[in-house]
Amino acid sequence: MTTPRTVLVIGGGASGNAITILLRRAGLSVDLIEARPDWNATTGSGITLQGNALRVLRELGVWEQVEASGFAYGSLGVTAPDGTLLFVKEDIKSGGDDLPATLGMRRPQLQQILIDAVRATGATVRLGTTAETLEQDADGVSVRFSDGTEGRYDLVIAADGLNSATRVAIGISDRPEPVGMAIWRAPAPRPESVTRSDLTFGGPAYIAGYTPTGENTLYAYVVEANRDRNSIDPATYADEMRRLAEQYGGAWPEITKHITDPAKVNYTWFDRHLVEGSWHRGRVVLVGDAAHCCPPTFAQGAAMSLEDASVLTELLTSGREWDDALFQAYYDRRVPRVRTVVEASVQLCQWQLDQVHDADVPGLIGRTMTALKELP
């Protein structure tokens, strides 16, 4: 048996960076291309990483840097709109007892840690570059790049995100669908009273919450109904988020007064997406948001992407043929777990949209996180 040894990874986000690191560690030749010239190194305010994400980050060899850069905690608070604490739920350690249940950190810090880890592997990285055409045959994929160069690979891994051009190019017609909600996010200084994520369901918005991302920082988020993006002037982003946030009590008044810079406020719709049947066509296979995405109500988007990278690498380095059976095994192993997360995340949204006041939010959170404690 001749094992293919050359891989092109399209996209340098969580899943693309992770699988590059893991495949290079296994001795494969990997080229990574990323459309953004800056490797998307400064985008975003914060990210919530639960234990199953931390487990993969430890596998990547970056856990110590992540731990030092973030803020670990072990519970989730639920408050009334006025800030009254309704209950505290201990988080399930979905990555195992030797890792925190949850860690918040600034998203650019995580990206930089992964960028540095990719660079350290010796992988070939080309920024500001996309794949223009993919031509497959029985032995591999010929790729023409946006800079006019060409390459030949045994496998192409599409990690190019929610609106994946590679997914379209290989004939998969599944597309993301909005769920009816949108989220405002912004970084802010961390009040001393904020030592975990607290969520409020209801009030002037559907959901309001915050997550500590370091000793002195947090990121705050407010979820409302979708609005036409074109109807919102980006110069008013801070005003729009503050208008919603200032109606909440507790730690919110201290947080809200720092939401002043519209350039630091992000507005994004919630989408759902799950490619059914298989995540590959020939020698091109999808990972991460290219294959699936969920609303961030369970903070599992990055975790599912990182798990994809771990599982696919395990299969690719198992000594098996890189054939339809292997890629179908990858899908069959991942899709029940991903579907659990997508459906639970959407269910939390739907309860808010339908104003179901007796919804079993703690039960759904507990059942979902318990399921994720198993290895992917």
Protein backbone atom coordinates (compact mmCIF):
# COMPACT_ATOMS: atom_id res chain seq x y z
CA MET A 1 0.00 0.00 0.00
CA THR A 2 1.22 3.48 -0.86
CA THR A 3 0.08 6.04 1.70
CA PRO A 4 -0.57 9.54 0.28
CA ARG A 5 1.70 12.04 1.91
CA THR A 6 0.83 15.52 0.58
CA VAL A 7 -2.06 17.56 1.94
CA LEU A 8 -3.46 21.00 1.14
CA VAL A 9 -5.39 22.68 3.94
CA ILE A 10 -7.65 25.51 2.77
CA GLY A 11 -8.33 27.95 5.61
CA GLY A 12 -6.36 28.98 8.67
CA GLY A 13 -9.01 29.09 11.38
CA ALA A 14 -9.34 26.72 14.33
CA SER A 15 -9.86 23.51 12.36
CA GLY A 16 -7.39 24.34 9.59
CA ASN A 17 -4.64 25.31 12.00
CA ALA A 18 -5.29 22.29 14.21
CA ILE A 19 -5.20 19.72 11.46
CA THR A 20 -2.06 21.28 9.99
CA ILE A 21 -0.29 20.94 13.34
CA LEU A 22 -1.43 17.34 13.81
CA LEU A 23 -0.61 16.16 10.29
CA ARG A 24 2.81 17.78 10.33
CA ARG A 25 3.51 16.10 13.66
CA ALA A 26 2.69 12.79 11.95
CA GLY A 27 5.27 13.53 9.25
CA LEU A 28 3.02 14.51 6.36
CA SER A 29 3.84 17.35 3.98
CA VAL A 30 1.23 20.08 4.47
CA ASP A 31 0.57 23.34 2.64
CA LEU A 32 -1.85 25.74 4.31
CA ILE A 33 -3.45 28.59 2.40
CA GLU A 34 -5.48 31.37 3.98
CA ALA A 35 -7.46 34.03 2.13
CA ARG A 36 -6.86 36.74 4.72
CA PRO A 37 -3.41 38.36 4.40
CA ASP A 38 -3.32 38.87 8.19
CA TRP A 39 -4.27 35.24 8.90
CA ASN A 40 -7.40 36.60 10.64
CA ALA A 41 -5.16 37.32 13.61
CA THR A 42 -6.97 40.32 15.09
CA THR A 43 -10.66 39.58 14.48
CA GLY A 44 -13.06 38.92 17.34
CA SER A 45 -13.48 39.85 20.97
CA GLY A 46 -13.64 36.68 23.04
CA ILE A 47 -14.18 32.95 22.87
CA THR A 48 -15.54 30.44 25.36
CA LEU A 49 -13.71 27.09 25.33
CA GLN A 50 -15.25 24.19 27.18
CA GLY A 51 -13.39 21.10 28.31
CA ASN A 52 -13.74 19.13 25.08
CA ALA A 53 -12.11 22.02 23.19
CA LEU A 54 -9.35 22.25 25.79
CA ARG A 55 -8.71 18.52 25.39
CA VAL A 56 -7.86 19.00 21.71
CA LEU A 57 -5.78 22.11 22.43
CA ARG A 58 -3.76 19.97 24.83
CA GLU A 59 -3.35 17.39 22.06
CA LEU A 60 -1.99 20.20 19.87
CA GLY A 61 0.60 21.01 22.51
CA VAL A 62 -0.66 24.53 23.23
CA TRP A 63 -2.59 24.01 26.46
CA GLU A 64 0.00 25.71 28.66
CA GLN A 65 -0.11 28.88 26.54
CA VAL A 66 -3.92 28.80 26.45
CA GLU A 67 -4.16 28.31 30.20
CA ALA A 68 -1.78 31.19 30.84
CA SER A 69 -3.67 33.49 28.46
CA GLY A 70 -7.23 32.79 29.56
CA PHE A 71 -9.52 32.68 32.59
CA ALA A 72 -10.65 29.26 33.79
CA TYR A 73 -13.83 28.68 35.80
CA GLY A 74 -16.20 25.87 36.70
CA SER A 75 -19.76 27.13 36.90
CA LEU A 76 -22.48 28.97 34.98
CA GLY A 77 -24.74 31.56 36.56
CA VAL A 78 -28.23 32.47 35.42
CA THR A 79 -29.56 35.86 36.46
CA ALA A 80 -32.76 37.85 36.16
CA PRO A 81 -32.64 40.99 33.97
CA ASP A 82 -32.15 43.14 37.07
CA GLY A 83 -29.03 41.16 37.98
CA THR A 84 -30.57 38.97 40.69
CA LEU A 85 -28.78 35.60 40.71
CA LEU A 86 -31.37 32.88 40.09
CA PHE A 87 -29.13 29.83 40.27
CA VAL A 88 -25.60 28.58 39.69
CA LYS A 89 -24.96 25.35 37.81
CA GLU A 90 -21.65 23.56 38.13
CA ASP A 91 -20.18 22.99 34.68
CA ILE A 92 -19.50 19.45 33.52
CA LYS A 93 -15.81 18.79 32.81
CA SER A 94 -16.36 17.57 29.27
CA GLY A 95 -12.61 17.34 28.64
CA GLY A 96 -11.91 15.17 31.67
CA ASP A 97 -11.26 15.85 35.33
CA ASP A 98 -7.73 17.11 34.73
CA LEU A 99 -8.88 20.11 32.68
CA PRO A 100 -11.07 23.07 33.64
CA ALA A 101 -14.73 22.86 32.75
CA THR A 102 -14.53 26.16 30.86
CA LEU A 103 -11.98 28.77 29.91
CA GLY A 104 -12.59 32.17 28.37
CA MET A 105 -9.92 34.01 26.41
CA ARG A 106 -9.54 36.74 23.88
CA ARG A 107 -10.07 35.26 20.45
CA PRO A 108 -7.05 36.97 18.83
CA GLN A 109 -4.81 35.44 21.52
CA LEU A 110 -6.01 31.95 20.69
CA GLN A 111 -5.49 32.53 16.99
CA GLN A 112 -1.96 33.80 17.57
CA ILE A 113 -1.11 30.78 19.69
CA LEU A 114 -2.30 28.49 16.90
CA ILE A 115 -0.49 30.54 14.24
CA ASP A 116 2.76 30.22 16.17
CA ALA A 117 2.21 26.48 16.55
CA VAL A 118 1.59 26.07 12.81
CA ARG A 119 4.74 28.04 11.99
CA ALA A 120 6.75 25.87 14.36
CA THR A 121 5.78 22.70 12.47
CA GLY A 122 7.49 23.85 9.28
CA ALA A 123 4.28 23.69 7.25
CA THR A 124 4.27 25.82 4.11
CA VAL A 125 1.92 28.76 4.71
CA ARG A 126 0.66 31.10 2.00
CA LEU A 127 -1.47 34.05 3.08
CA GLY A 128 -3.75 36.10 0.85
CA THR A 129 -4.17 33.00 -1.32
CA THR A 130 -7.21 30.99 -2.38
CA ALA A 131 -7.80 27.85 -4.43
CA GLU A 132 -9.30 28.85 -7.77
CA THR A 133 -9.88 25.38 -9.27
CA LEU A 134 -9.78 21.79 -8.04
CA GLU A 135 -9.43 18.94 -10.53
CA GLN A 136 -9.67 15.45 -9.10
CA ASP A 137 -8.67 12.05 -10.43
CA ALA A 138 -8.26 8.65 -8.82
CA ASP A 139 -4.89 9.53 -7.32
CA GLY A 140 -5.32 13.06 -6.02
CA VAL A 141 -6.22 16.68 -6.65
CA SER A 142 -4.62 19.27 -8.93
CA VAL A 143 -5.10 22.80 -7.63
CA ARG A 144 -4.68 26.16 -9.32
CA PHE A 145 -4.19 29.02 -6.89
CA SER A 146 -5.23 32.66 -7.05
CA ASP A 147 -1.61 33.75 -7.58
CA GLY A 148 -1.41 31.68 -10.77
CA THR A 149 0.65 28.83 -9.32
CA GLU A 150 -0.42 25.19 -9.29
CA GLY A 151 0.02 22.25 -6.96
CA ARG A 152 -0.70 18.56 -6.78
CA TYR A 153 -1.94 16.90 -3.57
CA ASP A 154 -3.04 13.52 -2.33
CA LEU A 155 -5.75 15.18 -0.24
CA VAL A 156 -7.41 18.58 0.09
CA ILE A 157 -8.95 19.51 3.44
CA ALA A 158 -11.50 22.31 3.22
CA ALA A 159 -11.43 24.36 6.42
CA ASP A 160 -12.62 27.55 4.74
CA GLY A 161 -15.53 28.32 7.00
CA LEU A 162 -19.25 28.80 7.01
CA ASN A 163 -19.48 30.11 3.44
CA SER A 164 -16.94 27.61 2.12
CA ALA A 165 -16.12 28.11 -1.56
CA THR A 166 -14.60 24.62 -1.57
CA ARG A 167 -17.89 23.09 -0.45
CA VAL A 168 -19.60 24.72 -3.40
CA ALA A 169 -16.81 23.72 -5.79
CA ILE A 170 -17.20 20.01 -5.00
CA GLY A 171 -20.95 20.09 -5.52
CA ILE A 172 -22.32 20.02 -1.97
CA SER A 173 -25.48 22.12 -2.03
CA ASP A 174 -26.12 22.47 1.72
CA ARG A 175 -26.06 26.09 2.86
CA PRO A 176 -26.21 27.84 6.26
CA GLU A 177 -29.64 29.04 7.38
CA PRO A 178 -30.34 31.89 9.82
CA VAL A 179 -32.23 30.93 12.96
CA GLY A 180 -33.75 34.38 13.54
CA MET A 181 -31.32 35.79 16.08
CA ALA A 182 -28.24 38.00 15.96
CA ILE A 183 -25.54 38.71 18.51
CA TRP A 184 -23.68 41.85 19.54
CA ARG A 185 -20.24 41.19 21.05
CA ALA A 186 -17.67 43.54 22.58
CA PRO A 187 -14.63 43.33 24.86
CA ALA A 188 -14.53 45.25 28.13
CA PRO A 189 -12.59 45.44 31.40
CA ARG A 190 -13.55 42.70 33.87
CA PRO A 191 -15.22 43.84 37.09
CA GLU A 192 -13.91 41.93 40.12
CA SER A 193 -17.39 40.44 40.62
CA VAL A 194 -17.27 38.60 37.28
CA THR A 195 -15.59 35.24 37.83
CA ARG A 196 -17.61 33.03 35.46
CA SER A 197 -20.12 33.29 32.63
CA ASP A 198 -23.49 34.65 33.70
CA LEU A 199 -26.47 34.51 31.37
CA THR A 200 -29.81 36.26 31.41
CA PHE A 201 -32.64 34.82 29.36
CA GLY A 202 -35.22 37.51 28.60
CA GLY A 203 -35.46 41.19 29.33
CA PRO A 204 -34.97 43.73 26.52
CA ALA A 205 -33.04 41.10 24.52
CA TYR A 206 -33.38 37.35 24.17
CA ILE A 207 -30.08 36.59 25.91
CA ALA A 208 -27.47 38.75 27.60
CA GLY A 209 -24.21 37.43 29.02
CA TYR A 210 -20.53 37.90 29.62
CA THR A 211 -17.46 35.69 29.92
CA PRO A 212 -14.15 36.53 31.63
CA THR A 213 -11.23 36.28 29.20
CA GLY A 214 -8.32 37.18 31.49
CA GLU A 215 -7.43 38.78 34.79
CA ASN A 216 -8.50 42.18 33.51
CA THR A 217 -10.77 41.46 30.53
CA LEU A 218 -14.08 39.96 29.51
CA TYR A 219 -16.31 39.89 26.49
CA ALA A 220 -19.97 40.77 26.66
CA TYR A 221 -22.76 39.71 24.34
CA VAL A 222 -26.39 40.58 23.76
CA VAL A 223 -28.70 38.56 21.50
CA GLU A 224 -31.67 40.10 19.71
CA ALA A 225 -33.81 39.35 16.65
CA ASN A 226 -32.15 39.49 13.24
CA ARG A 227 -32.01 42.85 11.58
CA ASP A 228 -30.96 43.68 8.05
CA ARG A 229 -27.25 44.36 8.35
CA ASN A 230 -27.51 47.07 5.71
CA SER A 231 -29.94 48.97 7.92
CA ILE A 232 -27.33 49.40 10.68
CA ASP A 233 -24.58 51.95 10.23
CA PRO A 234 -21.34 50.40 11.60
CA ALA A 235 -20.56 53.76 13.18
CA THR A 236 -23.54 53.17 15.52
CA TYR A 237 -22.60 49.63 16.60
CA ALA A 238 -21.52 50.69 20.10
CA ASP A 239 -24.67 52.77 20.53
CA GLU A 240 -26.88 49.89 19.40
CA MET A 241 -25.27 47.35 21.73
CA ARG A 242 -25.20 49.78 24.65
CA ARG A 243 -28.89 50.59 24.16
CA LEU A 244 -29.73 46.94 24.85
CA ALA A 245 -27.07 46.23 27.47
CA GLU A 246 -27.74 49.25 29.68
CA GLN A 247 -31.19 47.86 30.51
CA TYR A 248 -29.65 44.97 32.49
CA GLY A 249 -28.55 45.07 36.12
CA GLY A 250 -25.89 43.32 38.16
CA ALA A 251 -22.45 43.68 36.57
CA TRP A 252 -23.89 45.19 33.41
CA PRO A 253 -23.73 48.91 34.35
CA GLU A 254 -19.98 48.58 34.93
CA ILE A 255 -19.55 46.70 31.65
CA THR A 256 -21.83 48.88 29.57
CA LYS A 257 -19.99 52.14 30.24
CA HIS A 258 -16.98 50.69 28.37
CA ILE A 259 -18.95 49.82 25.21
CA THR A 260 -18.06 53.02 23.37
CA ASP A 261 -15.91 52.13 20.37
CA PRO A 262 -17.98 50.90 17.39
CA ALA A 263 -14.87 49.38 15.80
CA LYS A 264 -14.63 46.94 18.72
CA VAL A 265 -18.26 45.80 18.48
CA ASN A 266 -19.16 42.85 16.28
CA TYR A 267 -22.64 42.08 14.93
CA THR A 268 -23.34 38.60 13.57
CA TRP A 269 -26.40 36.56 12.73
CA PHE A 270 -26.91 33.11 14.28
CA ASP A 271 -26.80 30.38 11.62
CA ARG A 272 -27.33 26.64 11.64
CA HIS A 273 -25.75 24.25 9.17
CA LEU A 274 -25.08 20.52 8.92
CA VAL A 275 -24.00 18.76 5.73
CA GLU A 276 -25.79 15.41 5.60
CA GLY A 277 -24.68 12.14 4.00
CA SER A 278 -20.92 12.66 3.84
CA TRP A 279 -18.39 15.43 4.27
CA HIS A 280 -16.26 14.52 1.28
CA ARG A 281 -16.25 14.19 -2.47
CA GLY A 282 -13.36 12.09 -3.69
CA ARG A 283 -10.12 13.41 -2.21
CA VAL A 284 -11.62 16.67 -0.88
CA VAL A 285 -13.00 16.58 2.67
CA LEU A 286 -14.69 19.22 4.82
CA VAL A 287 -13.86 20.08 8.42
CA GLY A 288 -15.20 22.64 10.89
CA ASP A 289 -17.67 25.31 9.84
CA ALA A 290 -17.43 24.20 6.22
CA ALA A 291 -19.29 21.03 7.29
CA HIS A 292 -21.39 22.31 10.19
CA CYS A 293 -22.10 25.28 12.41
CA CYS A 294 -24.39 26.05 15.30
CA PRO A 295 -25.59 29.12 17.17
CA PRO A 296 -23.11 29.94 19.95
CA THR A 297 -25.66 29.21 22.68
CA PHE A 298 -23.56 26.21 23.84
CA ALA A 299 -20.17 27.75 23.00
CA GLN A 300 -19.32 24.64 20.98
CA GLY A 301 -18.44 25.99 17.53
CA ALA A 302 -14.67 25.96 17.99
CA ALA A 303 -14.84 22.75 20.00
CA MET A 304 -16.62 20.88 17.21
CA SER A 305 -14.10 22.21 14.68
CA LEU A 306 -11.14 21.16 16.82
CA GLU A 307 -12.64 17.72 17.35
CA ASP A 308 -13.04 17.30 13.58
CA ALA A 309 -9.32 17.91 13.15
CA SER A 310 -8.43 15.40 15.85
CA VAL A 311 -10.65 12.62 14.53
CA LEU A 312 -9.74 13.10 10.87
CA THR A 313 -6.03 13.10 11.71
CA GLU A 314 -6.44 9.90 13.71
CA LEU A 315 -8.01 8.19 10.71
CA LEU A 316 -5.56 9.59 8.15
CA THR A 317 -2.59 8.38 10.18
CA SER A 318 -4.04 4.96 11.03
CA GLY A 319 -2.42 3.16 8.09
CA ARG A 320 -5.71 2.76 6.22
CA GLU A 321 -6.22 3.62 2.58
CA TRP A 322 -7.35 7.18 2.00
CA ASP A 323 -10.54 6.13 0.27
CA ASP A 324 -14.30 6.64 0.45
CA ALA A 325 -14.57 4.15 3.33
CA LEU A 326 -12.16 6.15 5.48
CA PHE A 327 -13.85 9.48 4.80
CA GLN A 328 -17.26 7.95 5.40
CA ALA A 329 -15.97 6.59 8.72
CA TYR A 330 -14.94 10.14 9.64
CA TYR A 331 -18.44 11.39 8.88
CA ASP A 332 -20.16 8.49 10.67
CA ARG A 333 -18.08 9.07 13.78
CA ARG A 334 -18.54 12.83 13.89
CA VAL A 335 -22.08 13.46 12.73
CA PRO A 336 -24.02 12.09 15.76
CA ARG A 337 -21.99 14.30 18.10
CA VAL A 338 -22.21 17.36 15.88
CA ARG A 339 -25.94 16.85 15.38
CA THR A 340 -26.44 16.73 19.16
CA VAL A 341 -24.74 20.12 19.50
CA VAL A 342 -26.49 21.75 16.53
CA GLU A 343 -29.92 20.60 17.63
CA ALA A 344 -29.42 21.58 21.27
CA SER A 345 -28.03 24.98 20.30
CA VAL A 346 -30.98 25.65 18.02
CA GLN A 347 -33.42 24.41 20.69
CA LEU A 348 -32.16 27.05 23.13
CA CYS A 349 -32.73 29.69 20.46
CA GLN A 350 -36.18 28.39 19.62
CA TRP A 351 -37.30 28.47 23.25
CA GLN A 352 -36.33 32.14 23.38
CA LEU A 353 -37.96 32.96 20.06
CA ASP A 354 -41.17 31.19 21.15
CA GLN A 355 -41.00 32.70 24.67
CA VAL A 356 -41.28 29.31 26.36
CA HIS A 357 -41.06 30.39 29.98
CA ASP A 358 -40.98 26.88 31.47
CA ALA A 359 -38.19 25.62 29.18
CA ASP A 360 -35.81 23.17 30.85
CA VAL A 361 -32.64 25.14 30.10
CA PRO A 362 -30.54 23.56 32.89
CA GLY A 363 -31.64 20.07 31.84
CA LEU A 364 -30.77 20.64 28.20
CA ILE A 365 -27.38 22.08 29.12
CA GLY A 366 -26.65 19.17 31.44
CA ARG A 367 -27.68 16.46 28.99
CA THR A 368 -25.73 18.00 26.15
CA MET A 369 -22.52 18.55 28.09
CA THR A 370 -22.70 15.07 29.59
CA ALA A 371 -22.88 13.62 26.08
CA LEU A 372 -19.80 15.62 25.11
CA LYS A 373 -17.75 14.15 27.94
CA GLU A 374 -17.23 11.04 25.83
CA LEU A 375 -14.25 11.12 23.49
CA PRO A 376 -15.18 12.24 19.94
